[in-house]
Amino acid sequence: MTRSGFGVVLIALGGVFVDAYDFASLGIGVSGLRAEFNLAPSQLGTITAIMGVGAIIGGVAGGYLTDKVGRLRMFVVDLICLVIATLGAALAPNIYVLLFFRFLMGVGVGLDYPVAFSFLAEFVNRTRRAGSIALWVFLWQVAVAVSVMVALAIYMLGYIDHLWRFAVGFGAIPALIILLLRGKYMWESPLWAAHHAGLAEAARLLEKTYNVKVRVEESFAKTVEVVSTSYTAIFSQPYLARTVLVSVVSITQSLEYFAVGFYLPSISSVIFGHDFVYAAIGTLVSTVAGVIGGLIAAAYVDKIGIRRLIIVGYTIVTVSLMLFWWTAGHVSPYVSIMLIYFFILGQTVGPGSVSASLAALSYPTLLRGTGTGWAQGMVRIGTIIGLFFFPPLLAKIGLSNLMLALSLSPLAGLIALWLIKWEPVGSPIEDSGLEGNAIPGANPAT
């Protein structure tokens, strides 16, 4: 890949940075948010979970649309949503306006993930596709670290009363920068172009991406086979079992991470004390484990395989959650927080990182946006469960018992992987769907 092509990969993952920054900044400012609007636990859960509702709609609809109108157009649309939603949430005068813009933020995020992962699956050389997609978690952890440092700077400057507003609003800056970069430097996926814009256009994009000469026979240059697909295709053979596995992994990994990750500042406060600095530093240190796990996943998933790496990650997550429950109240708080960091390491080594690769590489080009959009919908269902039920459960059963309950999530993922032995790495995905009549429910027309 050319240097400009690698730059496009980073820009494609820019929406992940915006999502992660927003996630962490709201989590850090959750105590201020609760105090400003006098929120009950159920209301706080609604504010954090409504973004997941918007992301379900954005993911399911956006995945389908990215297969229809192209990866490039959707890249611009979703970032516009993110810029508007970030500023709107930061300036919200009451809880109802805040709920609306959190919902819009979710729609934008839901639109971004399927198009980004579909694009990378089609843009990067096949020997590095799974690892390139898995880099999203590395970028996520970097964004979390940036969010914490911004929040700490705001805190040190004395803007404590409205810390959450400043922290969330600052996210509009990277969102706007990424929007401008996408408008100037991004181009369409060559594989999508081959199906919808003709082989001549696909050849031009390949030359631009890989700096190779491509010749297209004149009689085929303008031939386009437009294929109409529907969501029923991913629930038909040979994709049904893959879709079930993608759904289970997406829900379980999201549920466990968002239940723990979003409230990591609160967990740090319970363990170390209620000063904001403790909460921020506890979150910042967690990103070290996340960065390490994300880089390991990106480096080895194409060699080890997606399925094996997810199994390893789920196992680490299960052990860390159970040990936290078993040792709670009997060990130093530093041991407890280290188990949380161990949890994050397992999450980012396995299901957190490569669940996106599992979704993007389980379907051919004609269904990839639809399949990854469905996966994002499932991710957000897990997000809603984790975010909405965590506050009342934490208040009712305590932190240690909640960790034991959460261990059921990775166990469910391990059972699904035992029952469905699907490995996308090395499988001829495109060979099963290059022709319209090979896609269940597809209606080809030239």
Protein backbone atom coordinates (compact mmCIF):
# COMPACT_ATOMS: atom_id res chain seq x y z
CA MET A 1 0.00 0.00 0.00
CA THR A 2 1.17 3.52 -0.78
CA ARG A 3 1.80 6.05 1.98
CA SER A 4 -1.35 7.94 1.03
CA GLY A 5 -3.28 4.67 1.19
CA PHE A 6 -2.13 4.06 4.75
CA GLY A 7 -3.20 7.59 5.63
CA VAL A 8 -6.66 6.79 4.31
CA VAL A 9 -6.84 3.80 6.67
CA LEU A 10 -6.16 6.07 9.66
CA ILE A 11 -8.73 8.59 8.49
CA ALA A 12 -11.26 5.79 8.03
CA LEU A 13 -10.90 4.88 11.71
CA GLY A 14 -11.31 8.51 12.78
CA GLY A 15 -14.94 8.03 13.75
CA VAL A 16 -13.81 5.44 16.31
CA PHE A 17 -11.65 8.11 17.94
CA VAL A 18 -14.64 10.47 18.21
CA ASP A 19 -16.87 7.75 19.66
CA ALA A 20 -14.27 6.68 22.23
CA TYR A 21 -13.50 10.25 23.24
CA ASP A 22 -17.19 10.96 23.80
CA PHE A 23 -17.64 7.69 25.72
CA ALA A 24 -14.77 8.45 28.09
CA SER A 25 -15.49 12.15 28.56
CA LEU A 26 -19.09 11.53 29.60
CA GLY A 27 -17.96 8.71 31.88
CA ILE A 28 -15.42 10.97 33.59
CA GLY A 29 -17.97 13.76 34.03
CA VAL A 30 -20.81 11.51 35.12
CA SER A 31 -20.76 12.76 38.73
CA GLY A 32 -21.04 16.39 37.58
CA LEU A 33 -23.77 15.46 35.11
CA ARG A 34 -25.70 13.69 37.86
CA ALA A 35 -25.39 16.66 40.21
CA GLU A 36 -26.30 19.33 37.64
CA PHE A 37 -29.53 17.68 36.55
CA ASN A 38 -30.25 15.96 39.91
CA LEU A 39 -30.47 12.57 38.19
CA ALA A 40 -31.78 9.37 39.71
CA PRO A 41 -29.87 6.15 38.80
CA SER A 42 -32.55 5.22 36.25
CA GLN A 43 -32.33 8.65 34.59
CA LEU A 44 -28.55 8.41 34.40
CA GLY A 45 -28.90 4.97 32.87
CA THR A 46 -31.33 6.39 30.28
CA ILE A 47 -28.92 9.17 29.27
CA THR A 48 -26.07 6.73 28.80
CA ALA A 49 -28.19 4.06 27.13
CA ILE A 50 -30.12 6.24 24.67
CA MET A 51 -26.97 6.64 22.60
CA GLY A 52 -27.09 2.87 22.16
CA VAL A 53 -30.67 3.11 20.87
CA GLY A 54 -29.59 5.64 18.26
CA ALA A 55 -26.59 3.47 17.35
CA ILE A 56 -28.83 0.44 16.75
CA ILE A 57 -30.87 2.47 14.26
CA GLY A 58 -27.76 4.01 12.71
CA GLY A 59 -25.92 0.70 12.50
CA VAL A 60 -28.73 -1.37 10.99
CA ALA A 61 -29.82 1.36 8.55
CA GLY A 62 -26.31 2.62 7.85
CA GLY A 63 -24.95 -0.83 7.10
CA TYR A 64 -27.64 -1.36 4.49
CA LEU A 65 -27.14 2.12 3.02
CA THR A 66 -23.36 1.76 2.78
CA ASP A 67 -23.91 -1.24 0.50
CA LYS A 68 -26.24 0.86 -1.65
CA VAL A 69 -24.69 4.33 -1.93
CA GLY A 70 -21.04 3.53 -1.26
CA ARG A 71 -18.52 3.79 1.54
CA LEU A 72 -17.30 7.30 0.72
CA ARG A 73 -20.64 9.13 0.92
CA MET A 74 -21.54 7.54 4.24
CA PHE A 75 -18.15 8.53 5.65
CA VAL A 76 -19.11 12.20 5.26
CA VAL A 77 -22.72 11.90 6.44
CA ASP A 78 -21.91 10.19 9.73
CA LEU A 79 -19.21 12.72 10.72
CA ILE A 80 -21.62 15.61 10.17
CA CYS A 81 -23.98 13.91 12.65
CA LEU A 82 -21.15 13.50 15.16
CA VAL A 83 -20.07 17.16 15.00
CA ILE A 84 -23.62 18.47 15.50
CA ALA A 85 -24.41 15.96 18.27
CA THR A 86 -21.23 16.68 20.22
CA LEU A 87 -21.80 20.43 20.32
CA GLY A 88 -25.51 20.03 21.02
CA ALA A 89 -24.92 17.74 24.00
CA ALA A 90 -22.30 20.07 25.49
CA LEU A 91 -24.69 23.04 25.29
CA ALA A 92 -27.86 21.18 26.38
CA PRO A 93 -29.91 23.36 28.79
CA ASN A 94 -31.94 20.46 30.19
CA ILE A 95 -32.14 16.70 30.26
CA TYR A 96 -34.54 16.47 27.31
CA VAL A 97 -32.26 18.35 24.92
CA LEU A 98 -29.35 16.27 26.19
CA LEU A 99 -31.28 13.06 25.49
CA PHE A 100 -31.99 14.19 21.91
CA PHE A 101 -28.36 14.96 21.11
CA ARG A 102 -27.14 11.77 22.81
CA PHE A 103 -29.55 9.89 20.56
CA LEU A 104 -28.22 11.75 17.49
CA MET A 105 -24.67 10.94 18.59
CA GLY A 106 -25.65 7.29 18.66
CA VAL A 107 -27.07 7.48 15.13
CA GLY A 108 -23.83 9.01 13.86
CA VAL A 109 -21.69 6.41 15.60
CA GLY A 110 -23.94 3.62 14.36
CA LEU A 111 -23.53 4.88 10.80
CA ASP A 112 -19.76 5.17 11.07
CA TYR A 113 -18.71 1.71 12.27
CA PRO A 114 -20.17 -0.47 9.48
CA VAL A 115 -18.86 1.82 6.75
CA ALA A 116 -15.39 2.04 8.35
CA PHE A 117 -15.01 -1.70 8.88
CA SER A 118 -16.46 -2.54 5.45
CA PHE A 119 -14.08 -0.08 3.83
CA LEU A 120 -11.03 -1.51 5.61
CA ALA A 121 -12.00 -5.08 4.72
CA GLU A 122 -12.00 -4.05 1.05
CA PHE A 123 -9.16 -1.54 1.06
CA VAL A 124 -6.37 -3.41 2.86
CA ASN A 125 -4.42 -6.37 1.49
CA ARG A 126 -6.17 -9.61 2.46
CA THR A 127 -3.18 -10.86 4.48
CA ARG A 128 -3.55 -7.89 6.87
CA ARG A 129 -7.30 -7.24 6.83
CA ALA A 130 -8.23 -8.70 10.22
CA GLY A 131 -5.32 -6.94 11.92
CA SER A 132 -6.05 -3.60 10.27
CA ILE A 133 -9.68 -3.71 11.39
CA ALA A 134 -8.59 -4.75 14.90
CA LEU A 135 -6.55 -1.53 15.15
CA TRP A 136 -9.79 0.24 16.01
CA VAL A 137 -9.41 -0.74 19.67
CA PHE A 138 -5.90 0.72 19.80
CA LEU A 139 -7.30 3.99 18.48
CA TRP A 140 -10.18 3.74 20.96
CA GLN A 141 -7.77 3.47 23.90
CA VAL A 142 -5.71 6.40 22.63
CA ALA A 143 -8.90 8.49 22.44
CA VAL A 144 -9.83 7.51 26.00
CA ALA A 145 -6.38 8.64 27.19
CA VAL A 146 -6.76 11.95 25.34
CA SER A 147 -10.20 12.44 26.89
CA VAL A 148 -8.85 11.87 30.40
CA MET A 149 -5.98 14.31 29.86
CA VAL A 150 -8.36 16.96 28.51
CA ALA A 151 -10.63 16.46 31.53
CA LEU A 152 -7.68 16.71 33.92
CA ALA A 153 -6.55 19.95 32.24
CA ILE A 154 -10.07 21.42 32.58
CA TYR A 155 -10.14 20.33 36.22
CA MET A 156 -6.77 21.92 36.96
CA LEU A 157 -7.93 25.17 35.32
CA GLY A 158 -10.78 25.31 37.83
CA TYR A 159 -13.78 24.63 35.58
CA ILE A 160 -15.05 21.90 37.87
CA ASP A 161 -18.75 22.77 37.90
CA HIS A 162 -19.15 22.31 34.15
CA LEU A 163 -16.33 19.86 33.54
CA TRP A 164 -18.52 17.38 31.65
CA ARG A 165 -19.72 20.13 29.25
CA PHE A 166 -16.21 21.29 28.39
CA ALA A 167 -14.92 17.73 28.06
CA VAL A 168 -17.77 16.57 25.81
CA GLY A 169 -17.77 19.75 23.71
CA PHE A 170 -14.04 19.50 23.04
CA GLY A 171 -14.82 16.30 21.09
CA ALA A 172 -16.24 18.43 18.27
CA ILE A 173 -12.70 19.52 17.37
CA PRO A 174 -11.31 16.09 16.37
CA ALA A 175 -14.68 15.28 14.75
CA LEU A 176 -14.46 18.38 12.54
CA ILE A 177 -10.82 17.70 11.66
CA ILE A 178 -11.62 14.13 10.63
CA LEU A 179 -14.60 15.35 8.59
CA LEU A 180 -12.37 17.75 6.65
CA LEU A 181 -9.72 15.06 6.11
CA ARG A 182 -12.30 12.60 4.83
CA GLY A 183 -13.68 15.16 2.40
CA LYS A 184 -10.22 15.90 0.99
CA TYR A 185 -8.24 12.66 1.09
CA MET A 186 -10.59 9.66 1.07
CA TRP A 187 -11.71 7.71 -1.95
CA GLU A 188 -14.10 4.88 -2.63
CA SER A 189 -13.50 1.20 -1.94
CA PRO A 190 -12.21 -0.49 -5.13
CA LEU A 191 -14.30 -3.62 -4.46
CA TRP A 192 -17.50 -1.64 -4.01
CA ALA A 193 -16.69 0.35 -7.15
CA ALA A 194 -16.21 -2.88 -9.13
CA HIS A 195 -19.83 -3.83 -8.38
CA HIS A 196 -21.44 -0.40 -8.68
CA ALA A 197 -19.26 1.97 -10.73
CA GLY A 198 -17.62 -0.32 -13.28
CA LEU A 199 -14.27 -2.06 -13.59
CA ALA A 200 -12.58 0.99 -15.10
CA GLU A 201 -13.26 3.00 -11.94
CA ALA A 202 -12.21 0.06 -9.76
CA ALA A 203 -8.93 -0.18 -11.70
CA ARG A 204 -8.26 3.54 -11.20
CA LEU A 205 -8.79 3.19 -7.45
CA LEU A 206 -6.52 0.14 -7.29
CA GLU A 207 -3.72 2.06 -9.02
CA LYS A 208 -4.19 4.94 -6.59
CA THR A 209 -4.15 2.64 -3.57
CA TYR A 210 -1.36 0.20 -4.42
CA ASN A 211 0.64 2.01 -7.09
CA VAL A 212 0.22 -0.83 -9.59
CA LYS A 213 -0.76 -0.81 -13.27
CA VAL A 214 -4.20 -2.29 -13.99
CA ARG A 215 -5.57 -2.98 -17.47
CA VAL A 216 -9.27 -3.55 -18.08
CA GLU A 217 -10.54 -5.07 -21.32
CA GLU A 218 -12.51 -2.34 -23.12
CA SER A 219 -15.60 -4.50 -23.55
CA PHE A 220 -15.87 -4.93 -19.75
CA ALA A 221 -14.81 -1.46 -18.62
CA LYS A 222 -18.31 0.00 -18.23
CA THR A 223 -20.21 -3.15 -17.31
CA VAL A 224 -21.87 -2.87 -13.90
CA GLU A 225 -23.94 -5.57 -12.29
CA VAL A 226 -26.23 -3.81 -9.84
CA VAL A 227 -27.39 -6.23 -7.17
CA SER A 228 -30.29 -5.55 -4.84
CA THR A 229 -29.95 -7.33 -1.48
CA SER A 230 -31.90 -7.34 1.75
CA TYR A 231 -31.30 -8.21 5.38
CA THR A 232 -32.81 -11.64 4.80
CA ALA A 233 -29.63 -12.61 2.95
CA ILE A 234 -27.46 -12.69 6.09
CA PHE A 235 -30.01 -14.99 7.73
CA SER A 236 -29.87 -17.46 4.85
CA GLN A 237 -27.31 -20.15 4.08
CA PRO A 238 -24.33 -20.08 4.10
CA TYR A 239 -24.39 -16.98 6.33
CA LEU A 240 -26.93 -17.90 9.04
CA ALA A 241 -24.52 -19.59 11.47
CA ARG A 242 -21.98 -16.79 10.96
CA THR A 243 -24.63 -14.17 11.72
CA VAL A 244 -25.65 -15.98 14.91
CA LEU A 245 -22.02 -16.15 16.05
CA VAL A 246 -21.38 -12.51 15.15
CA SER A 247 -24.51 -11.50 17.08
CA VAL A 248 -23.60 -13.39 20.25
CA VAL A 249 -19.99 -12.19 20.28
CA SER A 250 -21.04 -8.59 19.55
CA ILE A 251 -23.62 -8.48 22.35
CA THR A 252 -21.54 -10.20 25.01
CA GLN A 253 -18.27 -8.34 24.45
CA SER A 254 -20.09 -5.01 24.39
CA LEU A 255 -22.16 -5.73 27.49
CA GLU A 256 -19.15 -6.66 29.61
CA TYR A 257 -16.94 -3.82 28.42
CA PHE A 258 -19.43 -0.98 28.67
CA ALA A 259 -20.68 -2.14 32.06
CA VAL A 260 -17.11 -1.93 33.38
CA GLY A 261 -15.40 0.55 31.04
CA PHE A 262 -17.89 3.41 31.16
CA TYR A 263 -18.02 3.32 34.93
CA LEU A 264 -14.29 2.76 35.44
CA PRO A 265 -13.94 6.25 36.98
CA SER A 266 -16.74 5.35 39.42
CA ILE A 267 -15.11 1.98 40.15
CA SER A 268 -11.78 3.72 40.78
CA SER A 269 -13.56 6.07 43.17
CA VAL A 270 -15.09 3.15 45.09
CA ILE A 271 -11.66 1.53 45.43
CA PHE A 272 -9.41 4.56 46.03
CA GLY A 273 -11.64 7.44 47.09
CA HIS A 274 -14.05 9.94 45.59
CA ASP A 275 -11.61 12.61 44.50
CA PHE A 276 -11.87 13.29 40.75
CA VAL A 277 -8.12 12.93 40.26
CA TYR A 278 -8.24 9.31 41.48
CA ALA A 279 -11.04 8.51 39.04
CA ALA A 280 -9.20 10.14 36.13
CA ILE A 281 -5.84 8.53 36.86
CA GLY A 282 -7.47 5.10 37.30
CA THR A 283 -9.04 5.45 33.86
CA LEU A 284 -5.82 6.74 32.28
CA VAL A 285 -3.77 3.80 33.55
CA SER A 286 -6.40 1.41 32.17
CA THR A 287 -5.64 2.66 28.66
CA VAL A 288 -2.13 1.22 28.95
CA ALA A 289 -3.61 -2.27 29.26
CA GLY A 290 -5.99 -1.46 26.41
CA VAL A 291 -3.25 -0.23 24.08
CA ILE A 292 -1.13 -3.32 24.77
CA GLY A 293 -4.08 -5.65 24.14
CA GLY A 294 -5.13 -3.80 20.99
CA LEU A 295 -1.64 -3.92 19.49
CA ILE A 296 -1.28 -7.64 20.30
CA ALA A 297 -4.59 -8.35 18.58
CA ALA A 298 -3.70 -6.31 15.49
CA ALA A 299 -0.27 -7.96 15.22
CA TYR A 300 -1.31 -11.60 15.62
CA VAL A 301 -4.95 -12.04 14.58
CA ASP A 302 -4.05 -12.74 10.93
CA LYS A 303 -1.59 -15.42 12.11
CA ILE A 304 -3.49 -16.98 15.01
CA GLY A 305 -7.01 -16.56 13.68
CA ILE A 306 -10.01 -14.59 14.91
CA ARG A 307 -11.74 -17.48 16.69
CA ARG A 308 -8.72 -18.49 18.78
CA LEU A 309 -7.97 -14.94 19.81
CA ILE A 310 -11.56 -14.35 20.94
CA ILE A 311 -11.43 -17.55 23.01
CA VAL A 312 -8.22 -16.40 24.70
CA GLY A 313 -9.73 -12.99 25.43
CA TYR A 314 -13.00 -14.34 26.82
CA THR A 315 -11.05 -16.69 29.10
CA ILE A 316 -8.97 -13.83 30.53
CA VAL A 317 -12.10 -11.73 31.05
CA THR A 318 -13.92 -14.57 32.85
CA VAL A 319 -11.00 -15.30 35.17
CA SER A 320 -10.46 -11.63 36.04
CA LEU A 321 -14.14 -11.01 36.86
CA MET A 322 -14.40 -14.11 39.04
CA LEU A 323 -11.16 -13.31 40.86
CA PHE A 324 -12.41 -9.78 41.54
CA TRP A 325 -15.55 -11.21 43.15
CA TRP A 326 -13.67 -13.89 45.10
CA THR A 327 -11.02 -11.56 46.51
CA ALA A 328 -13.21 -8.48 47.12
CA GLY A 329 -12.71 -7.13 50.64
CA HIS A 330 -9.82 -9.50 51.34
CA VAL A 331 -7.03 -7.93 49.28
CA SER A 332 -5.48 -4.52 48.75
CA PRO A 333 -7.46 -2.07 46.55
CA TYR A 334 -4.45 -2.08 44.24
CA VAL A 335 -4.93 -5.80 43.61
CA SER A 336 -8.61 -5.18 42.83
CA ILE A 337 -7.84 -2.46 40.30
CA MET A 338 -5.15 -4.64 38.71
CA LEU A 339 -7.82 -7.29 38.11
CA ILE A 340 -9.88 -4.65 36.31
CA TYR A 341 -6.87 -3.82 34.15
CA PHE A 342 -6.43 -7.55 33.51
CA PHE A 343 -10.06 -7.61 32.40
CA ILE A 344 -9.39 -4.76 29.94
CA LEU A 345 -6.31 -6.56 28.61
CA GLY A 346 -8.36 -9.69 27.89
CA GLN A 347 -11.15 -7.65 26.34
CA THR A 348 -8.83 -5.79 23.97
CA VAL A 349 -6.71 -8.83 23.10
CA GLY A 350 -9.76 -10.84 22.11
CA PRO A 351 -13.46 -10.07 21.65
CA GLY A 352 -13.24 -6.29 21.90
CA SER A 353 -10.71 -5.95 19.08
CA VAL A 354 -11.43 -8.77 16.69
CA SER A 355 -15.22 -8.98 16.95
CA ALA A 356 -15.19 -6.22 14.32
CA SER A 357 -12.92 -8.34 12.12
CA LEU A 358 -15.25 -11.31 12.63
CA ALA A 359 -18.22 -9.28 11.37
CA ALA A 360 -16.48 -7.57 8.44
CA LEU A 361 -14.78 -10.72 7.13
CA SER A 362 -17.74 -13.08 7.44
CA TYR A 363 -19.56 -11.61 4.42
CA PRO A 364 -18.65 -10.80 0.79
CA THR A 365 -18.56 -7.24 -0.58
CA LEU A 366 -22.22 -7.17 -1.59
CA LEU A 367 -23.33 -7.99 1.97
CA ARG A 368 -20.47 -6.59 4.04
CA GLY A 369 -22.10 -3.30 4.98
CA THR A 370 -25.33 -5.06 5.84
CA GLY A 371 -23.53 -7.67 7.95
CA THR A 372 -21.34 -5.20 9.82
CA GLY A 373 -24.33 -2.91 10.32
CA TRP A 374 -26.24 -5.77 11.91
CA ALA A 375 -23.23 -6.51 14.12
CA GLN A 376 -23.14 -2.89 15.26
CA GLY A 377 -26.81 -3.12 16.12
CA MET A 378 -26.01 -6.12 18.31
CA VAL A 379 -23.05 -4.28 19.87
CA ARG A 380 -25.36 -1.46 20.86
CA ILE A 381 -27.90 -3.85 22.38
CA GLY A 382 -25.09 -5.06 24.63
CA THR A 383 -24.16 -1.43 25.30
CA ILE A 384 -27.70 -0.57 26.38
CA ILE A 385 -27.86 -3.57 28.72
CA GLY A 386 -24.47 -2.77 30.24
CA LEU A 387 -25.06 0.97 30.64
CA PHE A 388 -28.70 0.95 31.70
CA PHE A 389 -28.62 -1.85 34.26
CA PHE A 390 -25.22 -1.16 35.80
CA PRO A 391 -26.20 1.85 38.01
CA PRO A 392 -29.21 0.21 39.73
CA LEU A 393 -27.44 -3.16 40.04
CA LEU A 394 -24.35 -1.52 41.50
CA ALA A 395 -26.53 0.20 44.09
CA LYS A 396 -28.48 -3.00 44.85
CA ILE A 397 -25.94 -5.85 44.95
CA GLY A 398 -22.59 -4.10 45.25
CA LEU A 399 -19.52 -4.01 43.02
CA SER A 400 -18.09 -7.47 43.71
CA ASN A 401 -21.38 -9.34 43.16
CA LEU A 402 -21.94 -7.36 39.97
CA MET A 403 -18.59 -8.56 38.63
CA LEU A 404 -19.64 -12.16 39.29
CA ALA A 405 -22.90 -11.59 37.40
CA LEU A 406 -20.97 -10.06 34.48
CA SER A 407 -18.83 -13.20 34.15
CA LEU A 408 -21.88 -14.90 32.61
CA SER A 409 -21.40 -12.70 29.53
CA PRO A 410 -17.99 -14.06 28.38
CA LEU A 411 -19.12 -17.58 29.29
CA ALA A 412 -22.04 -17.21 26.86
CA GLY A 413 -19.57 -16.10 24.18
CA LEU A 414 -17.35 -19.13 24.79
CA ILE A 415 -20.34 -21.48 24.46
CA ALA A 416 -21.26 -19.88 21.10
CA LEU A 417 -17.69 -20.29 19.83
CA TRP A 418 -17.72 -23.95 20.92
CA LEU A 419 -20.98 -24.61 19.05
CA ILE A 420 -20.15 -22.60 15.88
CA LYS A 421 -16.60 -23.23 14.67
CA TRP A 422 -16.32 -20.51 12.02
CA GLU A 423 -12.96 -18.91 11.17
CA PRO A 424 -12.98 -16.05 8.57
CA VAL A 425 -9.17 -15.72 8.31
CA GLY A 426 -8.07 -17.79 5.32
CA SER A 427 -11.62 -18.46 4.12
CA PRO A 428 -12.54 -17.52 0.50
CA ILE A 429 -15.20 -14.98 1.49
CA GLU A 430 -15.42 -13.11 -1.82
CA ASP A 431 -15.60 -16.32 -3.84
CA SER A 432 -19.01 -17.04 -2.29
CA GLY A 433 -20.52 -13.74 -3.27
CA LEU A 434 -18.99 -12.15 -6.35
CA GLU A 435 -21.93 -13.07 -8.50
CA GLY A 436 -25.37 -11.72 -7.73
CA ASN A 437 -27.06 -15.10 -7.98
CA ALA A 438 -24.71 -16.46 -5.29
CA ILE A 439 -26.23 -14.11 -2.70
CA PRO A 440 -29.46 -15.40 -1.16
CA GLY A 441 -32.27 -12.98 -1.87
CA ALA A 442 -30.25 -10.97 -4.41
CA ASN A 443 -31.78 -9.63 -7.60
CA PRO A 444 -29.07 -8.85 -10.19
CA ALA A 445 -29.69 -6.43 -13.01
CA THR A 446 -27.19 -5.05 -15.50
